[in-house]
Protein backbone atom coordinates (compact mmCIF):
# COMPACT_ATOMS: atom_id res chain seq x y z
CA MET A 1 -1.05 -22.91 -17.65
CA ALA A 2 2.24 -24.01 -17.81
CA GLU A 3 3.89 -21.12 -15.64
CA LYS A 4 1.15 -22.27 -13.01
CA SER A 5 2.40 -26.08 -12.88
CA TRP A 6 6.39 -24.84 -12.75
CA SER A 7 7.84 -24.15 -9.47
CA LEU A 8 11.64 -23.22 -8.78
CA SER A 9 11.97 -26.14 -6.11
CA GLY A 10 10.19 -28.46 -8.13
CA ALA A 11 13.34 -27.02 -11.26
CA LEU A 12 16.10 -27.35 -8.46
CA ARG A 13 14.92 -30.84 -7.40
CA GLY A 14 15.88 -32.38 -11.19
CA MET A 15 19.45 -30.06 -11.17
CA PHE A 16 20.45 -30.99 -7.80
CA SER A 17 19.74 -34.78 -8.52
CA ARG A 18 22.38 -35.18 -10.90
CA GLU A 19 25.55 -36.50 -10.16
CA THR A 20 28.03 -33.89 -10.08
CA ILE A 21 28.36 -30.11 -10.80
CA THR A 22 29.17 -28.68 -14.44
CA GLU A 23 28.89 -26.19 -15.84
CA GLU A 24 25.15 -26.88 -17.40
CA THR A 25 24.40 -26.63 -13.97
CA TRP A 26 24.99 -23.29 -13.59
CA ASP A 27 23.50 -22.60 -16.46
CA ASP A 28 20.37 -24.27 -15.88
CA LEU A 29 20.24 -22.21 -12.00
CA GLU A 30 20.63 -19.26 -12.97
CA ALA A 31 17.73 -20.20 -16.28
CA ALA A 32 15.51 -21.29 -13.01
CA LEU A 33 16.51 -17.84 -10.78
CA ILE A 34 15.45 -15.87 -13.39
CA THR A 35 12.23 -17.51 -13.90
CA ALA A 36 11.46 -17.43 -10.75
CA ASP A 37 11.77 -13.58 -10.65
CA PHE A 38 14.99 -12.97 -8.91
CA GLY A 39 15.86 -10.83 -11.87
CA PRO A 40 19.02 -10.65 -13.54
CA ASP A 41 21.45 -8.38 -11.21
CA LEU A 42 20.54 -10.39 -8.08
CA THR A 43 20.29 -13.59 -10.38
CA GLU A 44 23.95 -12.81 -11.27
CA THR A 45 24.80 -11.94 -7.60
CA LEU A 46 23.89 -15.32 -6.28
CA ILE A 47 25.63 -17.50 -8.96
CA ASP A 48 28.78 -15.48 -8.59
CA GLN A 49 28.66 -15.85 -4.16
CA LEU A 50 27.41 -19.37 -4.88
CA ARG A 51 30.36 -20.36 -7.60
CA ALA A 52 32.99 -18.72 -4.82
CA GLN A 53 31.59 -20.93 -2.33
CA VAL A 54 31.54 -24.39 -4.49
CA ALA A 55 35.26 -23.42 -5.07
CA LYS A 56 36.46 -22.73 -1.07
CA TYR A 57 34.98 -25.99 -0.69
CA ALA A 58 36.29 -27.70 -3.40
CA THR A 59 32.96 -29.77 -3.48
CA THR A 60 30.95 -30.91 -6.41
CA ASP A 61 27.73 -32.42 -5.03
CA PRO A 62 25.13 -30.66 -6.36
CA LYS A 63 23.47 -31.30 -2.53
CA ASP A 64 26.19 -29.30 -1.45
CA LEU A 65 24.83 -26.48 -4.16
CA ARG A 66 21.37 -27.04 -2.96
CA ARG A 67 22.21 -26.28 1.03
CA MET A 68 24.49 -23.05 0.12
CA LEU A 69 21.96 -21.53 -2.15
CA ARG A 70 19.10 -22.28 0.40
CA GLU A 71 21.39 -20.30 3.36
CA THR A 72 22.26 -17.99 1.20
CA VAL A 73 18.59 -16.64 0.39
CA GLU A 74 18.08 -17.26 4.23
CA GLU A 75 21.03 -15.09 5.21
CA ARG A 76 20.01 -12.33 2.35
CA LEU A 77 16.45 -12.36 3.48
CA SER A 78 17.29 -12.31 7.41
CA ALA A 79 19.09 -9.06 6.68
CA LEU A 80 16.06 -7.11 7.26
CA ASP A 81 13.92 -7.56 10.45
CA SER A 82 10.76 -8.85 10.12
CA THR A 83 8.92 -7.99 13.09
CA LEU A 84 5.53 -6.03 12.91
CA THR A 85 6.28 -3.16 15.60
CA LEU A 86 2.86 -3.07 17.50
CA SER A 87 3.89 -2.45 20.74
CA GLU A 88 1.87 1.06 21.17
CA ARG A 89 -1.63 1.34 22.68
CA PRO A 90 -3.14 1.70 20.27
CA ALA A 91 -1.06 0.55 17.48
CA VAL A 92 -2.27 1.96 14.34
CA ILE A 93 -1.27 1.05 10.74
CA LEU A 94 -1.54 2.71 8.08
CA VAL A 95 -2.08 0.07 4.77
CA VAL A 96 -1.21 1.43 1.42
CA GLY A 97 -0.87 0.37 -2.11
CA VAL A 98 -2.27 0.78 -5.75
CA ASN A 99 -5.92 -0.20 -6.42
CA GLY A 100 -6.09 -3.82 -7.57
CA VAL A 101 -3.52 -5.27 -5.36
CA GLY A 102 -5.98 -6.91 -2.72
CA LYS A 103 -5.56 -4.07 -0.39
CA THR A 104 -9.20 -4.46 1.26
CA THR A 105 -9.11 -7.76 1.71
CA THR A 106 -5.51 -8.05 3.07
CA ILE A 107 -6.97 -5.96 6.10
CA GLY A 108 -9.45 -8.12 6.49
CA LYS A 109 -7.09 -11.09 6.84
CA PHE A 110 -4.09 -8.91 9.24
CA ALA A 111 -7.72 -8.13 11.54
CA ARG A 112 -8.05 -11.73 11.48
CA PHE A 113 -4.26 -12.57 11.98
CA LEU A 114 -4.78 -9.75 15.12
CA ARG A 115 -7.65 -11.41 16.51
CA SER A 116 -5.95 -14.81 16.53
CA TYR A 117 -3.46 -13.59 19.06
CA ASP A 118 -6.59 -12.13 21.22
CA ARG A 119 -5.85 -8.45 19.78
CA SER A 120 -9.07 -6.35 20.19
CA VAL A 121 -8.90 -4.58 16.30
CA VAL A 122 -10.73 -1.77 14.56
CA VAL A 123 -10.51 -0.70 11.04
CA GLY A 124 -11.03 2.71 9.78
CA ALA A 125 -12.46 3.25 6.35
CA ALA A 126 -10.21 5.96 4.93
CA ASP A 127 -10.79 4.86 1.32
CA THR A 128 -13.86 7.40 0.67
CA PHE A 129 -13.05 7.66 -3.11
CA ARG A 130 -14.52 4.16 -3.79
CA ALA A 131 -17.70 3.91 -2.68
CA ALA A 132 -17.50 0.02 -3.13
CA ALA A 133 -14.31 0.25 -0.76
CA VAL A 134 -16.56 0.59 2.18
CA GLU A 135 -18.42 -2.05 2.16
CA GLN A 136 -16.38 -4.66 1.10
CA LEU A 137 -14.17 -3.55 4.22
CA ALA A 138 -17.23 -3.87 6.62
CA THR A 139 -18.18 -7.32 5.30
CA TRP A 140 -13.61 -8.40 6.05
CA ALA A 141 -13.79 -6.82 9.08
CA ASP A 142 -17.11 -8.63 10.24
CA ARG A 143 -15.41 -12.09 9.07
CA ALA A 144 -12.60 -11.12 11.26
CA GLY A 145 -14.38 -10.16 14.81
CA ALA A 146 -13.14 -6.55 14.27
CA GLN A 147 -15.27 -3.39 14.25
CA ILE A 148 -15.13 -0.97 11.53
CA VAL A 149 -15.59 3.23 11.47
CA ARG A 150 -17.36 4.01 8.09
CA PRO A 151 -17.49 7.70 7.21
CA GLN A 152 -20.61 9.50 8.45
CA HIS A 153 -21.40 11.04 4.94
CA GLU A 154 -20.68 10.01 1.27
CA GLY A 155 -17.79 12.30 0.28
CA GLN A 156 -16.12 12.43 4.02
CA ASP A 157 -12.68 13.63 4.11
CA PRO A 158 -10.18 10.72 4.65
CA ALA A 159 -7.91 11.96 7.54
CA SER A 160 -11.13 12.87 9.15
CA VAL A 161 -12.02 9.28 9.23
CA ALA A 162 -8.99 8.31 10.62
CA PHE A 163 -9.12 10.50 13.52
CA GLN A 164 -12.61 9.11 14.31
CA THR A 165 -11.13 5.58 14.18
CA VAL A 166 -7.70 6.43 16.54
CA GLN A 167 -10.62 8.24 18.46
CA PHE A 168 -12.70 5.13 19.01
CA ALA A 169 -9.84 2.89 20.06
CA VAL A 170 -8.08 5.55 22.85
CA GLU A 171 -11.89 5.96 23.87
CA THR A 172 -12.37 2.36 24.03
CA GLY A 173 -9.40 0.51 24.52
CA THR A 174 -9.00 -1.15 21.20
CA GLU A 175 -5.47 -2.63 21.34
CA MET A 176 -5.24 -2.34 16.85
CA VAL A 177 -5.80 0.18 14.59
CA ILE A 178 -5.61 -0.35 10.70
CA ILE A 179 -6.07 2.46 8.79
CA ASP A 180 -7.66 1.59 4.90
CA THR A 181 -6.46 4.20 2.48
CA ALA A 182 -6.83 5.09 -0.92
CA GLY A 183 -5.06 3.83 -3.59
CA ARG A 184 -5.52 6.14 -6.60
CA LEU A 185 -6.32 9.83 -6.59
CA GLN A 186 -5.86 12.09 -9.71
CA THR A 187 -2.03 12.59 -9.20
CA LYS A 188 0.20 10.90 -7.60
CA GLY A 189 0.61 14.39 -5.48
CA GLY A 190 -2.12 14.54 -4.47
CA LEU A 191 -2.45 10.84 -3.58
CA MET A 192 1.14 11.53 -1.24
CA ASP A 193 -0.29 14.99 0.15
CA GLU A 194 -3.60 12.87 1.45
CA LEU A 195 -1.93 10.39 2.81
CA GLY A 196 0.35 13.20 4.48
CA LYS A 197 -2.67 14.52 6.09
CA ILE A 198 -3.90 11.29 6.97
CA ARG A 199 -0.52 10.88 9.27
CA ARG A 200 -0.59 14.49 10.62
CA VAL A 201 -4.16 13.87 12.15
CA ILE A 202 -3.41 10.70 13.74
CA GLU A 203 -0.29 11.89 15.12
CA LYS A 204 -2.28 14.62 17.22
CA GLN A 205 -3.28 11.16 19.41
CA ALA A 206 -1.05 8.57 18.80
CA PRO A 207 1.89 7.64 16.53
CA VAL A 208 1.54 5.49 13.86
CA SER A 209 3.45 1.84 14.70
CA GLU A 210 3.62 0.59 10.88
CA VAL A 211 2.70 1.45 7.31
CA LEU A 212 2.57 -1.32 5.58
CA LEU A 213 2.78 -1.72 1.52
CA VAL A 214 0.52 -4.59 0.11
CA LEU A 215 2.27 -5.91 -3.43
CA ASP A 216 0.92 -7.99 -5.43
CA ALA A 217 3.67 -10.99 -5.83
CA THR A 218 2.32 -12.19 -9.43
CA THR A 219 2.81 -8.81 -10.95
CA GLY A 220 6.53 -8.82 -9.59
CA GLN A 221 9.01 -6.06 -10.76
CA ASN A 222 5.92 -4.14 -12.53
CA GLY A 223 4.00 -3.80 -9.42
CA LEU A 224 6.78 -2.85 -7.62
CA ALA A 225 7.42 0.29 -9.82
CA GLN A 226 3.63 1.06 -9.88
CA ALA A 227 4.17 1.47 -6.18
CA GLU A 228 7.44 3.61 -6.05
CA ALA A 229 5.84 6.49 -4.90
CA PHE A 230 4.27 4.96 -2.12
CA ILE A 231 8.36 3.63 -1.40
CA GLN A 232 9.33 7.35 -1.96
CA HIS A 233 6.89 9.75 -0.24
CA ALA A 234 4.76 7.42 2.10
CA GLY A 235 7.09 6.54 5.22
CA VAL A 236 6.78 2.90 4.23
CA THR A 237 8.09 0.20 7.17
CA GLY A 238 6.99 -3.23 6.22
CA LEU A 239 5.95 -5.02 2.66
CA VAL A 240 3.11 -7.19 2.22
CA LEU A 241 3.08 -9.86 -0.53
CA THR A 242 -0.39 -11.09 -1.64
CA LYS A 243 -0.80 -13.93 -4.03
CA LEU A 244 2.14 -15.89 -3.15
CA ASP A 245 0.62 -18.78 -3.26
CA GLY A 246 3.35 -20.66 -5.53
CA SER A 247 7.24 -20.79 -6.07
CA ALA A 248 7.11 -19.79 -9.54
CA LYS A 249 7.25 -15.60 -8.46
CA GLY A 250 8.97 -16.79 -5.44
CA GLY A 251 12.68 -15.06 -6.19
CA PHE A 252 10.31 -11.57 -6.28
CA VAL A 253 10.21 -11.87 -2.24
CA LEU A 254 14.17 -11.79 -1.85
CA ALA A 255 14.48 -9.30 -5.12
CA VAL A 256 11.66 -6.53 -3.67
CA GLN A 257 13.34 -6.62 -0.12
CA GLU A 258 16.90 -5.84 -1.25
CA LYS A 259 15.69 -3.51 -4.01
CA THR A 260 13.51 -1.60 -1.46
CA GLY A 261 15.01 -2.14 1.81
CA ILE A 262 12.12 -2.36 3.05
CA PRO A 263 11.23 -5.54 5.32
CA ILE A 264 8.50 -8.02 4.01
CA LYS A 265 6.70 -8.24 7.67
CA LEU A 266 3.31 -10.40 6.34
CA VAL A 267 2.62 -12.86 3.10
CA GLY A 268 -0.68 -14.03 1.88
CA GLN A 269 -0.29 -17.72 0.26
CA GLY A 270 -4.20 -18.12 -0.60
CA GLU A 271 -7.83 -16.44 -0.60
CA ALA A 272 -9.29 -17.49 2.70
CA ILE A 273 -9.50 -15.39 5.97
CA GLY A 274 -6.70 -17.81 7.37
CA ASP A 275 -4.38 -17.16 4.93
CA LEU A 276 -2.12 -14.13 5.79
CA THR A 277 0.77 -15.50 7.69
CA GLY A 278 4.33 -13.33 9.73
CA PHE A 279 6.99 -14.00 7.62
CA THR A 280 9.64 -16.09 8.22
CA PRO A 281 12.54 -16.34 6.13
CA HIS A 282 14.13 -19.42 7.64
CA VAL A 283 10.44 -20.92 6.71
CA PHE A 284 10.32 -19.23 3.41
CA ALA A 285 13.70 -20.18 2.40
CA GLN A 286 13.09 -24.20 2.83
CA GLN A 287 10.10 -23.97 1.04
CA LEU A 288 11.66 -22.23 -1.98
CA VAL A 289 14.39 -24.09 -2.59
CA GLY A 290 13.34 -27.10 -0.50
């Protein structure tokens, strides 16, 4: 329970309320960044960068250090463009990720997010390897006010479901297409081949606008390791971080973007259908550091 009550902003509040910057400040800051899942390499880089700034401006005020930390985090987060690229009609979004990260619920929330901008949305249930996935997705699509294209028979080829979904969008003028994909097959190679096939059949009708990889923020670096195959082979264009409902793991947001070179485009900060939002580096840095 202790970890849930800990937050980076809370730890920093106490640290930066002291009268002056000391070596203890630097030790405490390093420990706080490690605890917040920035990872050892990024933590060391940030500390070195901040020490240099503090020396340059000859300040001993912890409030200056806090501002420098916030600005540095924001600057690094802003290095990659977090804008969703959805100008095509239809705009086709493939959603990928290992099972258990909240992929299906994220699709429902994303559909709701797009509907809130008055975009028409159809969801394709192309994760045909999990029987429950189709029903779960249908429930979320209904809640989001989106259409759904289901497999026409049990065990239907995922690529053909994806094809039918895009075909539906083209014929009906639906603006946004979100395709759910399998998170696990017998082999990683089989899974990547399947994703490649899905992409090829979609692109016969429309380009793929985004490939979004869903990551569970609470699993941190372990979750990233599990998703490496998608990053290497699936042409991922953006990250979606789920379960980011506290700043105990907030450092993972910057760490994952720096490690993958892929921008974070959406963040989920709760369980409700409206809890998925676009990613704004300035707002996130403010929340994280305070």
